[in-house]
């Protein structure tokens, strides 16, 4: 059993050596496919982080009437906290609103407020939503409940609906494109490896027929071809990780902090290469032997 395994393993490497060019083409093909897959995985992960950052900015703001005293403001705060979907609220006083205004409009602030003679900016509550409510539907449900609270008018509640709609639209589009391209790339790599193994099978037809005549089992004939596919996939995965590592290093020098990459991605690509190689050879062997 041990000798048989060593022979099968050796035959896998020997077969790869006999078909150097086809094997090299398959490795490069798998490497290119995995580079594309790797790039899309990196984009997907970073897109997820970027989307989460944008979703965290989905909030509502309630402007308060200047006539409200502290007790009334506190009652409104308590009512807001009870609304389903509200994660936390932040009170922004008139003075804090003025400070924010000064940061944004440094040049215009002095003339504007001198002309008015008072601070016209209202106090407000900034309302952060729970994760499940950072959608158009979720934010609208909170908006509707805020609008009917005592001492709050619907026009005093600010909800950037267009921003959330646009965000959801682009998120869905990006995920769909990423998913479709990922499937196409994986299938392409699978078909190319399968085709390469098919060519090897055709080139070794006479040898395979001879092995069958002398009583070689199906497993004994097939396993070297599986091994060839796995080796091609492993080398393709290894080359793709080297390329991506170098590419990301260059990108990090040009645009620091632009991409964050989990080191486990490289192991995923090598493992995916081996899986693609095995799957391609398995399909070809099942179909042509």
C-alpha atoms as a PDB file:
ATOM      1  CA  UNK A   1       0.000   0.000   0.000  1.00  0.00           C
ATOM      2  CA  UNK A   2       2.850   2.316   0.888  1.00  0.00           C
ATOM      3  CA  UNK A   3       4.710   1.490  -2.322  1.00  0.00           C
ATOM      4  CA  UNK A   4       1.557   2.019  -4.371  1.00  0.00           C
ATOM      5  CA  UNK A   5       1.025   5.454  -2.848  1.00  0.00           C
ATOM      6  CA  UNK A   6       4.637   6.478  -3.522  1.00  0.00           C
ATOM      7  CA  UNK A   7       4.327   5.210  -7.113  1.00  0.00           C
ATOM      8  CA  UNK A   8       1.074   7.129  -7.678  1.00  0.00           C
ATOM      9  CA  UNK A   9       2.610  10.290  -6.196  1.00  0.00           C
ATOM     10  CA  UNK A  10       5.705   9.858  -8.344  1.00  0.00           C
ATOM     11  CA  UNK A  11       3.575   9.327 -11.430  1.00  0.00           C
ATOM     12  CA  UNK A  12       1.769  12.574 -10.698  1.00  0.00           C
ATOM     13  CA  UNK A  13       5.046  14.529 -10.759  1.00  0.00           C
ATOM     14  CA  UNK A  14       6.345  12.585 -13.764  1.00  0.00           C
ATOM     15  CA  UNK A  15       3.148  13.302 -15.696  1.00  0.00           C
ATOM     16  CA  UNK A  16       3.515  16.971 -14.855  1.00  0.00           C
ATOM     17  CA  UNK A  17       7.096  16.894 -16.121  1.00  0.00           C
ATOM     18  CA  UNK A  18       6.049  15.226 -19.392  1.00  0.00           C
ATOM     19  CA  UNK A  19       3.514  17.948 -20.093  1.00  0.00           C
ATOM     20  CA  UNK A  20       5.657  20.887 -19.024  1.00  0.00           C
ATOM     21  CA  UNK A  21       4.132  23.484 -21.326  1.00  0.00           C
ATOM     22  CA  UNK A  22       0.508  22.518 -20.653  1.00  0.00           C
ATOM     23  CA  UNK A  23       1.241  22.348 -16.937  1.00  0.00           C
ATOM     24  CA  UNK A  24       2.933  25.753 -16.987  1.00  0.00           C
ATOM     25  CA  UNK A  25       0.002  27.281 -18.867  1.00  0.00           C
ATOM     26  CA  UNK A  26      -2.410  25.766 -16.326  1.00  0.00           C
ATOM     27  CA  UNK A  27      -0.377  27.154 -13.394  1.00  0.00           C
ATOM     28  CA  UNK A  28      -0.261  30.633 -14.918  1.00  0.00           C
ATOM     29  CA  UNK A  29      -3.967  30.457 -15.712  1.00  0.00           C
ATOM     30  CA  UNK A  30      -4.813  29.461 -12.150  1.00  0.00           C
ATOM     31  CA  UNK A  31      -2.462  32.163 -10.825  1.00  0.00           C
ATOM     32  CA  UNK A  32      -4.129  34.874 -12.932  1.00  0.00           C
ATOM     33  CA  UNK A  33      -7.572  33.639 -11.920  1.00  0.00           C
ATOM     34  CA  UNK A  34      -6.596  33.638  -8.240  1.00  0.00           C
ATOM     35  CA  UNK A  35      -5.065  37.106  -8.536  1.00  0.00           C
ATOM     36  CA  UNK A  36      -8.417  38.335  -9.812  1.00  0.00           C
ATOM     37  CA  UNK A  37     -10.231  36.439  -7.064  1.00  0.00           C
ATOM     38  CA  UNK A  38      -7.797  37.836  -4.489  1.00  0.00           C
ATOM     39  CA  UNK A  39      -8.304  41.394  -5.726  1.00  0.00           C
ATOM     40  CA  UNK A  40     -12.052  40.972  -5.537  1.00  0.00           C
ATOM     41  CA  UNK A  41     -11.815  39.482  -2.034  1.00  0.00           C
ATOM     42  CA  UNK A  42      -9.684  42.418  -0.906  1.00  0.00           C
ATOM     43  CA  UNK A  43     -12.097  44.889  -2.476  1.00  0.00           C
ATOM     44  CA  UNK A  44     -15.047  43.042  -0.910  1.00  0.00           C
ATOM     45  CA  UNK A  45     -13.543  43.086   2.599  1.00  0.00           C
ATOM     46  CA  UNK A  46     -12.541  46.746   2.358  1.00  0.00           C
ATOM     47  CA  UNK A  47     -15.862  47.618   0.759  1.00  0.00           C
ATOM     48  CA  UNK A  48     -17.570  45.990   3.731  1.00  0.00           C
ATOM     49  CA  UNK A  49     -15.571  48.157   6.122  1.00  0.00           C
ATOM     50  CA  UNK A  50     -16.293  51.285   4.081  1.00  0.00           C
ATOM     51  CA  UNK A  51     -20.005  50.460   3.921  1.00  0.00           C
ATOM     52  CA  UNK A  52     -20.087  49.922   7.682  1.00  0.00           C
ATOM     53  CA  UNK A  53     -18.477  53.342   8.170  1.00  0.00           C
ATOM     54  CA  UNK A  54     -21.131  54.919   5.957  1.00  0.00           C
ATOM     55  CA  UNK A  55     -23.933  53.027   7.708  1.00  0.00           C
ATOM     56  CA  UNK A  56     -22.682  54.380  11.049  1.00  0.00           C
ATOM     57  CA  UNK A  57     -23.373  57.855   9.683  1.00  0.00           C
ATOM     58  CA  UNK A  58     -27.052  57.049   9.132  1.00  0.00           C
ATOM     59  CA  UNK A  59     -28.634  59.108  11.886  1.00  0.00           C
ATOM     60  CA  UNK A  60     -31.564  61.408  12.532  1.00  0.00           C
ATOM     61  CA  UNK A  61     -31.618  64.831  14.125  1.00  0.00           C
ATOM     62  CA  UNK A  62     -34.432  66.435  16.085  1.00  0.00           C
ATOM     63  CA  UNK A  63     -34.354  70.228  16.431  1.00  0.00           C
ATOM     64  CA  UNK A  64     -35.858  71.648  19.626  1.00  0.00           C
ATOM     65  CA  UNK A  65     -37.897  74.774  20.138  1.00  0.00           C
ATOM     66  CA  UNK A  66     -36.125  77.518  22.098  1.00  0.00           C
ATOM     67  CA  UNK A  67     -39.118  77.815  24.434  1.00  0.00           C
ATOM     68  CA  UNK A  68     -38.555  74.345  25.924  1.00  0.00           C
ATOM     69  CA  UNK A  69     -37.076  74.244  29.415  1.00  0.00           C
ATOM     70  CA  UNK A  70     -34.678  71.600  30.783  1.00  0.00           C
ATOM     71  CA  UNK A  71     -37.457  69.401  32.190  1.00  0.00           C
ATOM     72  CA  UNK A  72     -39.278  69.321  28.845  1.00  0.00           C
ATOM     73  CA  UNK A  73     -36.054  68.535  27.018  1.00  0.00           C
ATOM     74  CA  UNK A  74     -35.338  65.701  29.444  1.00  0.00           C
ATOM     75  CA  UNK A  75     -38.829  64.273  28.907  1.00  0.00           C
ATOM     76  CA  UNK A  76     -38.293  64.328  25.135  1.00  0.00           C
ATOM     77  CA  UNK A  77     -34.953  62.553  25.620  1.00  0.00           C
ATOM     78  CA  UNK A  78     -36.622  59.837  27.693  1.00  0.00           C
ATOM     79  CA  UNK A  79     -39.332  59.375  25.057  1.00  0.00           C
ATOM     80  CA  UNK A  80     -36.754  59.101  22.274  1.00  0.00           C
ATOM     81  CA  UNK A  81     -34.774  56.454  24.164  1.00  0.00           C
ATOM     82  CA  UNK A  82     -37.891  54.272  24.370  1.00  0.00           C
ATOM     83  CA  UNK A  83     -38.325  54.166  20.583  1.00  0.00           C
ATOM     84  CA  UNK A  84     -37.384  50.827  19.038  1.00  0.00           C
ATOM     85  CA  UNK A  85     -34.266  51.104  16.882  1.00  0.00           C
ATOM     86  CA  UNK A  86     -32.656  53.988  18.779  1.00  0.00           C
ATOM     87  CA  UNK A  87     -29.144  53.068  19.885  1.00  0.00           C
ATOM     88  CA  UNK A  88     -28.081  56.288  21.576  1.00  0.00           C
ATOM     89  CA  UNK A  89     -28.875  59.976  21.590  1.00  0.00           C
ATOM     90  CA  UNK A  90     -26.614  62.991  21.896  1.00  0.00           C
ATOM     91  CA  UNK A  91     -27.859  66.362  23.098  1.00  0.00           C
ATOM     92  CA  UNK A  92     -26.414  69.336  21.200  1.00  0.00           C
ATOM     93  CA  UNK A  93     -27.010  72.602  23.026  1.00  0.00           C
ATOM     94  CA  UNK A  94     -27.278  75.982  21.305  1.00  0.00           C
ATOM     95  CA  UNK A  95     -23.721  76.757  22.394  1.00  0.00           C
ATOM     96  CA  UNK A  96     -22.392  73.462  20.994  1.00  0.00           C
ATOM     97  CA  UNK A  97     -24.259  74.095  17.734  1.00  0.00           C
ATOM     98  CA  UNK A  98     -22.619  77.532  17.554  1.00  0.00           C
ATOM     99  CA  UNK A  99     -19.174  75.979  18.053  1.00  0.00           C
ATOM    100  CA  UNK A 100     -19.815  73.498  15.227  1.00  0.00           C
ATOM    101  CA  UNK A 101     -20.997  76.337  13.013  1.00  0.00           C
ATOM    102  CA  UNK A 102     -17.828  78.304  13.718  1.00  0.00           C
ATOM    103  CA  UNK A 103     -15.690  75.307  12.736  1.00  0.00           C
ATOM    104  CA  UNK A 104     -17.507  74.992   9.413  1.00  0.00           C
ATOM    105  CA  UNK A 105     -17.892  78.688   8.528  1.00  0.00           C
ATOM    106  CA  UNK A 106     -14.918  80.461  10.061  1.00  0.00           C
ATOM    107  CA  UNK A 107     -14.946  83.333   7.556  1.00  0.00           C
ATOM    108  CA  UNK A 108     -18.664  84.148   7.707  1.00  0.00           C
ATOM    109  CA  UNK A 109     -19.438  83.642  11.363  1.00  0.00           C
ATOM    110  CA  UNK A 110     -18.472  87.061  12.786  1.00  0.00           C
ATOM    111  CA  UNK A 111     -20.393  89.235  10.305  1.00  0.00           C
ATOM    112  CA  UNK A 112     -23.456  86.971  10.380  1.00  0.00           C
ATOM    113  CA  UNK A 113     -23.918  86.825  14.136  1.00  0.00           C
ATOM    114  CA  UNK A 114     -22.990  90.468  14.673  1.00  0.00           C
ATOM    115  CA  UNK A 115     -25.780  91.421  12.295  1.00  0.00           C
ATOM    116  CA  UNK A 116     -28.315  89.238  14.124  1.00  0.00           C
ATOM    117  CA  UNK A 117     -27.177  90.092  17.623  1.00  0.00           C
ATOM    118  CA  UNK A 118     -28.075  86.639  18.998  1.00  0.00           C
ATOM    119  CA  UNK A 119     -27.499  82.901  18.457  1.00  0.00           C
ATOM    120  CA  UNK A 120     -30.279  81.646  16.144  1.00  0.00           C
ATOM    121  CA  UNK A 121     -29.117  78.027  16.116  1.00  0.00           C
ATOM    122  CA  UNK A 122     -31.503  75.620  17.897  1.00  0.00           C
ATOM    123  CA  UNK A 123     -30.580  72.887  20.334  1.00  0.00           C
ATOM    124  CA  UNK A 124     -31.065  69.372  19.001  1.00  0.00           C
ATOM    125  CA  UNK A 125     -30.791  65.650  19.580  1.00  0.00           C
ATOM    126  CA  UNK A 126     -28.592  63.575  17.289  1.00  0.00           C
ATOM    127  CA  UNK A 127     -29.968  60.038  17.180  1.00  0.00           C
ATOM    128  CA  UNK A 128     -27.828  57.043  16.292  1.00  0.00           C
ATOM    129  CA  UNK A 129     -29.649  53.920  15.140  1.00  0.00           C
ATOM    130  CA  UNK A 130     -29.149  50.258  15.908  1.00  0.00           C
ATOM    131  CA  UNK A 131     -27.515  48.207  13.170  1.00  0.00           C
ATOM    132  CA  UNK A 132     -30.763  46.620  11.945  1.00  0.00           C
ATOM    133  CA  UNK A 133     -32.379  50.051  11.562  1.00  0.00           C
ATOM    134  CA  UNK A 134     -29.672  51.650   9.393  1.00  0.00           C
ATOM    135  CA  UNK A 135     -31.814  51.151   6.309  1.00  0.00           C
ATOM    136  CA  UNK A 136     -34.467  53.266   4.618  1.00  0.00           C
ATOM    137  CA  UNK A 137     -37.286  51.227   6.154  1.00  0.00           C
ATOM    138  CA  UNK A 138     -35.726  51.131   9.620  1.00  0.00           C
ATOM    139  CA  UNK A 139     -34.862  54.837   9.683  1.00  0.00           C
ATOM    140  CA  UNK A 140     -38.333  55.772   8.414  1.00  0.00           C
ATOM    141  CA  UNK A 141     -39.997  53.768  11.191  1.00  0.00           C
ATOM    142  CA  UNK A 142     -37.967  55.713  13.771  1.00  0.00           C
ATOM    143  CA  UNK A 143     -38.717  58.976  11.937  1.00  0.00           C
ATOM    144  CA  UNK A 144     -42.480  58.292  12.065  1.00  0.00           C
ATOM    145  CA  UNK A 145     -42.366  57.652  15.815  1.00  0.00           C
ATOM    146  CA  UNK A 146     -40.280  60.762  16.458  1.00  0.00           C
ATOM    147  CA  UNK A 147     -42.682  62.934  14.466  1.00  0.00           C
ATOM    148  CA  UNK A 148     -45.646  62.190  16.763  1.00  0.00           C
ATOM    149  CA  UNK A 149     -43.877  62.876  20.059  1.00  0.00           C
ATOM    150  CA  UNK A 150     -45.090  65.792  22.200  1.00  0.00           C
ATOM    151  CA  UNK A 151     -43.348  69.124  21.515  1.00  0.00           C
ATOM    152  CA  UNK A 152     -41.860  67.777  18.255  1.00  0.00           C
ATOM    153  CA  UNK A 153     -43.162  68.712  14.818  1.00  0.00           C
ATOM    154  CA  UNK A 154     -42.483  66.534  11.725  1.00  0.00           C
ATOM    155  CA  UNK A 155     -40.561  69.402  10.092  1.00  0.00           C
ATOM    156  CA  UNK A 156     -38.189  69.449  13.103  1.00  0.00           C
ATOM    157  CA  UNK A 157     -37.032  65.878  12.389  1.00  0.00           C
ATOM    158  CA  UNK A 158     -34.239  65.646   9.830  1.00  0.00           C
ATOM    159  CA  UNK A 159     -33.721  62.345   8.008  1.00  0.00           C
ATOM    160  CA  UNK A 160     -31.382  62.169   4.995  1.00  0.00           C
ATOM    161  CA  UNK A 161     -33.523  59.670   3.107  1.00  0.00           C
ATOM    162  CA  UNK A 162     -31.827  60.257  -0.266  1.00  0.00           C
ATOM    163  CA  UNK A 163     -28.427  59.489   1.217  1.00  0.00           C
ATOM    164  CA  UNK A 164     -29.638  56.171   2.687  1.00  0.00           C
ATOM    165  CA  UNK A 165     -31.410  55.198  -0.561  1.00  0.00           C
ATOM    166  CA  UNK A 166     -28.287  55.946  -2.592  1.00  0.00           C
ATOM    167  CA  UNK A 167     -26.153  54.029  -0.099  1.00  0.00           C
ATOM    168  CA  UNK A 168     -28.351  50.926  -0.285  1.00  0.00           C
ATOM    169  CA  UNK A 169     -28.471  51.084  -4.079  1.00  0.00           C
ATOM    170  CA  UNK A 170     -24.691  51.199  -4.475  1.00  0.00           C
ATOM    171  CA  UNK A 171     -24.145  48.520  -1.824  1.00  0.00           C
ATOM    172  CA  UNK A 172     -26.455  46.084  -3.620  1.00  0.00           C
ATOM    173  CA  UNK A 173     -24.881  46.867  -6.999  1.00  0.00           C
ATOM    174  CA  UNK A 174     -21.338  46.425  -5.703  1.00  0.00           C
ATOM    175  CA  UNK A 175     -22.162  43.105  -3.997  1.00  0.00           C
ATOM    176  CA  UNK A 176     -23.933  41.785  -7.115  1.00  0.00           C
ATOM    177  CA  UNK A 177     -21.022  42.722  -9.419  1.00  0.00           C
ATOM    178  CA  UNK A 178     -18.486  41.263  -7.009  1.00  0.00           C
ATOM    179  CA  UNK A 179     -20.442  38.001  -6.717  1.00  0.00           C
ATOM    180  CA  UNK A 180     -20.935  37.582 -10.482  1.00  0.00           C
ATOM    181  CA  UNK A 181     -17.303  38.330 -11.339  1.00  0.00           C
ATOM    182  CA  UNK A 182     -16.097  35.969  -8.608  1.00  0.00           C
ATOM    183  CA  UNK A 183     -18.212  33.122 -10.032  1.00  0.00           C
ATOM    184  CA  UNK A 184     -17.016  33.812 -13.592  1.00  0.00           C
ATOM    185  CA  UNK A 185     -13.358  33.839 -12.556  1.00  0.00           C
ATOM    186  CA  UNK A 186     -13.690  30.607 -10.536  1.00  0.00           C
ATOM    187  CA  UNK A 187     -15.502  28.816 -13.361  1.00  0.00           C
ATOM    188  CA  UNK A 188     -12.903  30.001 -15.869  1.00  0.00           C
ATOM    189  CA  UNK A 189     -10.067  28.631 -13.753  1.00  0.00           C
ATOM    190  CA  UNK A 190     -11.963  25.366 -13.268  1.00  0.00           C
ATOM    191  CA  UNK A 191     -12.555  24.910 -17.002  1.00  0.00           C
ATOM    192  CA  UNK A 192      -8.964  25.741 -17.916  1.00  0.00           C
ATOM    193  CA  UNK A 193      -7.503  23.242 -15.450  1.00  0.00           C
ATOM    194  CA  UNK A 194     -10.042  20.664 -16.602  1.00  0.00           C
ATOM    195  CA  UNK A 195      -9.100  21.265 -20.228  1.00  0.00           C
ATOM    196  CA  UNK A 196      -5.405  20.900 -19.419  1.00  0.00           C
ATOM    197  CA  UNK A 197      -5.997  17.543 -17.725  1.00  0.00           C
ATOM    198  CA  UNK A 198      -8.089  16.483 -20.745  1.00  0.00           C
ATOM    199  CA  UNK A 199      -5.129  17.197 -23.035  1.00  0.00           C
ATOM    200  CA  UNK A 200      -2.868  15.153 -20.748  1.00  0.00           C
ATOM    201  CA  UNK A 201      -5.352  12.260 -20.859  1.00  0.00           C
ATOM    202  CA  UNK A 202      -5.466  12.347 -24.666  1.00  0.00           C
ATOM    203  CA  UNK A 203      -1.680  12.500 -24.867  1.00  0.00           C
ATOM    204  CA  UNK A 204      -1.412   9.424 -22.639  1.00  0.00           C
ATOM    205  CA  UNK A 205      -4.252   7.401 -24.172  1.00  0.00           C
ATOM    206  CA  UNK A 206      -1.993   4.505 -25.203  1.00  0.00           C
ATOM    207  CA  UNK A 207      -0.318   4.337 -21.776  1.00  0.00           C
ATOM    208  CA  UNK A 208      -3.691   4.376 -20.017  1.00  0.00           C
ATOM    209  CA  UNK A 209      -5.035   1.632 -22.286  1.00  0.00           C
ATOM    210  CA  UNK A 210      -1.949  -0.488 -21.598  1.00  0.00           C
ATOM    211  CA  UNK A 211      -2.345   0.037 -17.838  1.00  0.00           C
ATOM    212  CA  UNK A 212      -5.975  -1.080 -18.088  1.00  0.00           C
ATOM    213  CA  UNK A 213      -4.988  -4.205 -20.049  1.00  0.00           C
ATOM    214  CA  UNK A 214      -2.488  -5.280 -17.361  1.00  0.00           C
ATOM    215  CA  UNK A 215      -5.142  -4.908 -14.666  1.00  0.00           C
ATOM    216  CA  UNK A 216      -4.558  -1.406 -13.267  1.00  0.00           C
ATOM    217  CA  UNK A 217      -7.540  -0.196 -11.260  1.00  0.00           C
ATOM    218  CA  UNK A 218      -9.411   3.007 -12.042  1.00  0.00           C
ATOM    219  CA  UNK A 219      -8.082   4.631  -8.882  1.00  0.00           C
ATOM    220  CA  UNK A 220      -4.507   3.687  -9.796  1.00  0.00           C
ATOM    221  CA  UNK A 221      -4.900   5.431 -13.175  1.00  0.00           C
ATOM    222  CA  UNK A 222      -6.831   8.437 -11.919  1.00  0.00           C
ATOM    223  CA  UNK A 223      -4.907   9.468  -8.802  1.00  0.00           C
ATOM    224  CA  UNK A 224      -1.754  10.671 -10.624  1.00  0.00           C
ATOM    225  CA  UNK A 225      -3.986  12.981 -12.675  1.00  0.00           C
ATOM    226  CA  UNK A 226      -5.637  14.290  -9.512  1.00  0.00           C
ATOM    227  CA  UNK A 227      -2.198  14.945  -8.056  1.00  0.00           C
ATOM    228  CA  UNK A 228      -1.169  16.845 -11.181  1.00  0.00           C
ATOM    229  CA  UNK A 229      -4.220  19.066 -10.879  1.00  0.00           C
ATOM    230  CA  UNK A 230      -3.551  19.757  -7.197  1.00  0.00           C
ATOM    231  CA  UNK A 231       0.122  20.571  -7.859  1.00  0.00           C
ATOM    232  CA  UNK A 232      -0.810  22.936 -10.674  1.00  0.00           C
ATOM    233  CA  UNK A 233      -3.345  24.618  -8.388  1.00  0.00           C
ATOM    234  CA  UNK A 234      -0.875  24.907  -5.497  1.00  0.00           C
ATOM    235  CA  UNK A 235       1.791  26.505  -7.678  1.00  0.00           C
ATOM    236  CA  UNK A 236      -0.817  28.807  -9.188  1.00  0.00           C
ATOM    237  CA  UNK A 237      -1.945  29.798  -5.680  1.00  0.00           C
ATOM    238  CA  UNK A 238       1.649  30.367  -4.572  1.00  0.00           C
ATOM    239  CA  UNK A 239       2.435  32.598  -7.567  1.00  0.00           C
ATOM    240  CA  UNK A 240      -0.783  34.562  -7.069  1.00  0.00           C
ATOM    241  CA  UNK A 241       0.028  35.260  -3.401  1.00  0.00           C
ATOM    242  CA  UNK A 242       3.525  36.488  -4.314  1.00  0.00           C
ATOM    243  CA  UNK A 243       2.110  38.804  -6.968  1.00  0.00           C
ATOM    244  CA  UNK A 244      -0.632  40.154  -4.697  1.00  0.00           C
ATOM    245  CA  UNK A 245       1.773  40.656  -1.795  1.00  0.00           C
ATOM    246  CA  UNK A 246       4.104  42.703  -4.014  1.00  0.00           C
ATOM    247  CA  UNK A 247       1.191  44.637  -5.536  1.00  0.00           C
ATOM    248  CA  UNK A 248      -0.235  45.528  -2.121  1.00  0.00           C
ATOM    249  CA  UNK A 249       3.188  46.592  -0.839  1.00  0.00           C
ATOM    250  CA  UNK A 250       3.518  48.996  -3.762  1.00  0.00           C
ATOM    251  CA  UNK A 251      -0.045  50.236  -3.226  1.00  0.00           C
ATOM    252  CA  UNK A 252       0.666  50.783   0.488  1.00  0.00           C
ATOM    253  CA  UNK A 253       3.701  52.923  -0.403  1.00  0.00           C
ATOM    254  CA  UNK A 254       1.708  54.994  -2.889  1.00  0.00           C
ATOM    255  CA  UNK A 255      -1.509  55.288  -0.832  1.00  0.00           C
ATOM    256  CA  UNK A 256      -0.830  54.500   2.869  1.00  0.00           C
ATOM    257  CA  UNK A 257      -3.786  52.951   4.664  1.00  0.00           C
ATOM    258  CA  UNK A 258      -5.853  52.625   1.485  1.00  0.00           C
ATOM    259  CA  UNK A 259      -6.272  48.847   1.815  1.00  0.00           C
ATOM    260  CA  UNK A 260      -6.261  46.588   4.830  1.00  0.00           C
ATOM    261  CA  UNK A 261      -5.466  42.942   4.124  1.00  0.00           C
ATOM    262  CA  UNK A 262      -5.824  39.976   6.450  1.00  0.00           C
ATOM    263  CA  UNK A 263      -2.735  37.736   6.123  1.00  0.00           C
ATOM    264  CA  UNK A 264      -5.031  34.694   6.114  1.00  0.00           C
ATOM    265  CA  UNK A 265      -6.128  35.715   2.622  1.00  0.00           C
ATOM    266  CA  UNK A 266      -2.858  34.335   1.207  1.00  0.00           C
ATOM    267  CA  UNK A 267      -3.480  30.907   2.729  1.00  0.00           C
ATOM    268  CA  UNK A 268      -7.052  31.005   1.412  1.00  0.00           C
ATOM    269  CA  UNK A 269      -5.739  31.649  -2.111  1.00  0.00           C
ATOM    270  CA  UNK A 270      -3.237  28.761  -1.945  1.00  0.00           C
ATOM    271  CA  UNK A 271      -5.947  26.448  -0.606  1.00  0.00           C
ATOM    272  CA  UNK A 272      -8.379  27.684  -3.250  1.00  0.00           C
ATOM    273  CA  UNK A 273      -5.739  27.015  -5.912  1.00  0.00           C
ATOM    274  CA  UNK A 274      -5.372  23.427  -4.755  1.00  0.00           C
ATOM    275  CA  UNK A 275      -9.159  23.044  -4.690  1.00  0.00           C
ATOM    276  CA  UNK A 276      -9.511  24.452  -8.207  1.00  0.00           C
ATOM    277  CA  UNK A 277      -6.743  22.160  -9.449  1.00  0.00           C
ATOM    278  CA  UNK A 278      -8.314  19.085  -7.907  1.00  0.00           C
ATOM    279  CA  UNK A 279     -11.838  20.013  -9.047  1.00  0.00           C
ATOM    280  CA  UNK A 280     -10.675  20.645 -12.613  1.00  0.00           C
ATOM    281  CA  UNK A 281      -8.799  17.351 -12.808  1.00  0.00           C
ATOM    282  CA  UNK A 282     -11.693  15.486 -11.166  1.00  0.00           C
ATOM    283  CA  UNK A 283     -14.166  16.838 -13.741  1.00  0.00           C
ATOM    284  CA  UNK A 284     -11.849  15.987 -16.643  1.00  0.00           C
ATOM    285  CA  UNK A 285     -11.077  12.485 -15.377  1.00  0.00           C
ATOM    286  CA  UNK A 286     -14.739  11.696 -14.726  1.00  0.00           C
ATOM    287  CA  UNK A 287     -15.674  12.959 -18.178  1.00  0.00           C
ATOM    288  CA  UNK A 288     -12.878  11.581 -20.368  1.00  0.00           C
ATOM    289  CA  UNK A 289     -11.856   8.356 -18.624  1.00  0.00           C
END
